[in-house]
C-alpha atoms as a PDB file:
ATOM      1  CA  UNK A   1      24.735  33.755  36.865  1.00  0.00           C
ATOM      2  CA  UNK A   2      26.875  35.998  36.736  1.00  0.00           C
ATOM      3  CA  UNK A   3      29.667  33.212  38.356  1.00  0.00           C
ATOM      4  CA  UNK A   4      29.072  31.290  35.309  1.00  0.00           C
ATOM      5  CA  UNK A   5      29.828  34.207  32.663  1.00  0.00           C
ATOM      6  CA  UNK A   6      33.032  35.071  34.512  1.00  0.00           C
ATOM      7  CA  UNK A   7      33.650  31.392  34.387  1.00  0.00           C
ATOM      8  CA  UNK A   8      34.184  30.930  30.969  1.00  0.00           C
ATOM      9  CA  UNK A   9      36.028  34.303  30.272  1.00  0.00           C
ATOM     10  CA  UNK A  10      38.164  33.115  32.144  1.00  0.00           C
ATOM     11  CA  UNK A  11      39.077  29.667  32.234  1.00  0.00           C
ATOM     12  CA  UNK A  12      39.633  27.859  28.654  1.00  0.00           C
ATOM     13  CA  UNK A  13      38.000  24.052  29.780  1.00  0.00           C
ATOM     14  CA  UNK A  14      34.966  25.955  30.300  1.00  0.00           C
ATOM     15  CA  UNK A  15      34.957  27.331  26.866  1.00  0.00           C
ATOM     16  CA  UNK A  16      35.720  24.301  25.571  1.00  0.00           C
ATOM     17  CA  UNK A  17      33.261  22.443  27.702  1.00  0.00           C
ATOM     18  CA  UNK A  18      30.427  25.039  26.872  1.00  0.00           C
ATOM     19  CA  UNK A  19      31.144  24.747  23.223  1.00  0.00           C
ATOM     20  CA  UNK A  20      31.325  20.533  22.882  1.00  0.00           C
ATOM     21  CA  UNK A  21      28.251  20.613  24.712  1.00  0.00           C
ATOM     22  CA  UNK A  22      26.826  23.247  22.102  1.00  0.00           C
ATOM     23  CA  UNK A  23      27.545  20.891  19.548  1.00  0.00           C
ATOM     24  CA  UNK A  24      26.604  18.320  20.857  1.00  0.00           C
ATOM     25  CA  UNK A  25      22.588  19.608  21.262  1.00  0.00           C
ATOM     26  CA  UNK A  26      23.038  21.256  17.836  1.00  0.00           C
ATOM     27  CA  UNK A  27      23.864  17.895  16.311  1.00  0.00           C
ATOM     28  CA  UNK A  28      21.305  16.353  18.648  1.00  0.00           C
ATOM     29  CA  UNK A  29      19.075  18.374  16.770  1.00  0.00           C
ATOM     30  CA  UNK A  30      19.802  17.870  13.544  1.00  0.00           C
ATOM     31  CA  UNK A  31      19.210  14.585  14.447  1.00  0.00           C
ATOM     32  CA  UNK A  32      15.672  14.489  15.401  1.00  0.00           C
ATOM     33  CA  UNK A  33      14.696  16.682  12.432  1.00  0.00           C
ATOM     34  CA  UNK A  34      16.283  14.202  10.047  1.00  0.00           C
ATOM     35  CA  UNK A  35      14.558  11.948  11.481  1.00  0.00           C
ATOM     36  CA  UNK A  36      11.527  13.124  11.409  1.00  0.00           C
ATOM     37  CA  UNK A  37      11.602  14.038   8.461  1.00  0.00           C
ATOM     38  CA  UNK A  38      12.861  10.745   7.335  1.00  0.00           C
ATOM     39  CA  UNK A  39       9.374   9.755   8.781  1.00  0.00           C
ATOM     40  CA  UNK A  40       6.815  11.706   7.243  1.00  0.00           C
ATOM     41  CA  UNK A  41       8.255  10.855   3.994  1.00  0.00           C
ATOM     42  CA  UNK A  42       7.987   7.127   4.402  1.00  0.00           C
ATOM     43  CA  UNK A  43       4.358   7.551   6.031  1.00  0.00           C
ATOM     44  CA  UNK A  44       3.994   9.368   2.148  1.00  0.00           C
ATOM     45  CA  UNK A  45       5.672   6.910   0.381  1.00  0.00           C
ATOM     46  CA  UNK A  46       3.276   4.162   2.712  1.00  0.00           C
ATOM     47  CA  UNK A  47       0.383   5.796   1.914  1.00  0.00           C
ATOM     48  CA  UNK A  48       0.329   6.644  -1.227  1.00  0.00           C
ATOM     49  CA  UNK A  49       1.470   2.668  -1.982  1.00  0.00           C
ATOM     50  CA  UNK A  50      -1.588   2.002  -0.536  1.00  0.00           C
ATOM     51  CA  UNK A  51      -3.566   4.341  -2.589  1.00  0.00           C
ATOM     52  CA  UNK A  52      -1.827   2.433  -5.871  1.00  0.00           C
ATOM     53  CA  UNK A  53      -2.603  -0.653  -4.372  1.00  0.00           C
ATOM     54  CA  UNK A  54      -6.081  -0.317  -3.955  1.00  0.00           C
ATOM     55  CA  UNK A  55      -6.558   1.462  -7.391  1.00  0.00           C
ATOM     56  CA  UNK A  56      -5.070  -1.808  -9.090  1.00  0.00           C
ATOM     57  CA  UNK A  57      -6.674  -4.026  -6.586  1.00  0.00           C
ATOM     58  CA  UNK A  58     -10.746  -2.429  -8.215  1.00  0.00           C
ATOM     59  CA  UNK A  59      -8.473  -2.816 -11.533  1.00  0.00           C
ATOM     60  CA  UNK A  60      -8.586  -5.999 -10.763  1.00  0.00           C
ATOM     61  CA  UNK A  61     -12.213  -6.616  -9.756  1.00  0.00           C
ATOM     62  CA  UNK A  62     -13.758  -4.314 -12.914  1.00  0.00           C
ATOM     63  CA  UNK A  63     -11.407  -6.745 -15.139  1.00  0.00           C
ATOM     64  CA  UNK A  64     -12.221 -10.165 -13.280  1.00  0.00           C
ATOM     65  CA  UNK A  65     -16.545  -8.826 -13.211  1.00  0.00           C
ATOM     66  CA  UNK A  66     -15.862  -8.014 -17.424  1.00  0.00           C
ATOM     67  CA  UNK A  67     -14.587 -11.596 -17.258  1.00  0.00           C
ATOM     68  CA  UNK A  68     -17.868 -12.808 -15.455  1.00  0.00           C
ATOM     69  CA  UNK A  69     -19.978 -11.108 -18.049  1.00  0.00           C
ATOM     70  CA  UNK A  70     -18.695 -12.129 -20.720  1.00  0.00           C
ATOM     71  CA  UNK A  71     -18.666 -15.749 -20.180  1.00  0.00           C
ATOM     72  CA  UNK A  72     -22.800 -15.474 -18.397  1.00  0.00           C
ATOM     73  CA  UNK A  73     -22.933 -13.772 -21.890  1.00  0.00           C
ATOM     74  CA  UNK A  74     -22.108 -17.098 -23.863  1.00  0.00           C
ATOM     75  CA  UNK A  75     -23.603 -19.698 -21.485  1.00  0.00           C
ATOM     76  CA  UNK A  76     -27.075 -17.891 -22.115  1.00  0.00           C
ATOM     77  CA  UNK A  77     -26.228 -17.888 -26.043  1.00  0.00           C
ATOM     78  CA  UNK A  78     -28.659 -20.276 -27.525  1.00  0.00           C
ATOM     79  CA  UNK A  79     -26.266 -21.886 -30.098  1.00  0.00           C
ATOM     80  CA  UNK A  80     -23.097 -22.443 -27.431  1.00  0.00           C
ATOM     81  CA  UNK A  81     -22.574 -26.102 -26.461  1.00  0.00           C
ATOM     82  CA  UNK A  82     -21.685 -24.100 -22.951  1.00  0.00           C
ATOM     83  CA  UNK A  83     -25.266 -23.659 -21.338  1.00  0.00           C
ATOM     84  CA  UNK A  84     -25.213 -27.702 -21.992  1.00  0.00           C
ATOM     85  CA  UNK A  85     -21.426 -27.711 -21.149  1.00  0.00           C
ATOM     86  CA  UNK A  86     -22.553 -25.497 -17.938  1.00  0.00           C
ATOM     87  CA  UNK A  87     -25.663 -27.978 -17.365  1.00  0.00           C
ATOM     88  CA  UNK A  88     -23.496 -30.939 -16.994  1.00  0.00           C
ATOM     89  CA  UNK A  89     -21.548 -30.330 -14.501  1.00  0.00           C
ATOM     90  CA  UNK A  90     -24.393 -29.909 -11.624  1.00  0.00           C
ATOM     91  CA  UNK A  91     -27.012 -32.169 -13.538  1.00  0.00           C
ATOM     92  CA  UNK A  92     -27.263 -35.908 -11.580  1.00  0.00           C
ATOM     93  CA  UNK A  93     -28.938 -37.320 -14.602  1.00  0.00           C
ATOM     94  CA  UNK A  94     -27.192 -36.042 -18.235  1.00  0.00           C
ATOM     95  CA  UNK A  95     -30.292 -36.418 -20.453  1.00  0.00           C
ATOM     96  CA  UNK A  96     -31.910 -33.591 -18.259  1.00  0.00           C
ATOM     97  CA  UNK A  97     -29.617 -31.250 -19.915  1.00  0.00           C
ATOM     98  CA  UNK A  98     -29.942 -32.931 -23.854  1.00  0.00           C
ATOM     99  CA  UNK A  99     -32.838 -30.166 -24.354  1.00  0.00           C
ATOM    100  CA  UNK A 100     -29.651 -27.413 -23.710  1.00  0.00           C
ATOM    101  CA  UNK A 101     -28.312 -28.993 -26.984  1.00  0.00           C
ATOM    102  CA  UNK A 102     -27.653 -26.182 -29.737  1.00  0.00           C
ATOM    103  CA  UNK A 103     -30.186 -27.369 -32.629  1.00  0.00           C
END
């Protein structure tokens, strides 16, 4: 170890090599830290995006359920032709659906 210190004290080339190696190591360390910070930031953004997508999907499901409930209520309304129309879609004989015609 003392020979290394003696070499650094006397040789300008050894000093420059040591400085270059130290700067290279510093650059590598900063680059890795920066990459790690960027990766963590992207992971956080990705998770936030997933949560937003889940929330949007759940809201869409709720909206569709409300629409389905409204449609079901319309079909069950005895004064509406919707029930008769729904029956016509699945009946083999249209005459079977005449009982659902509003009066």
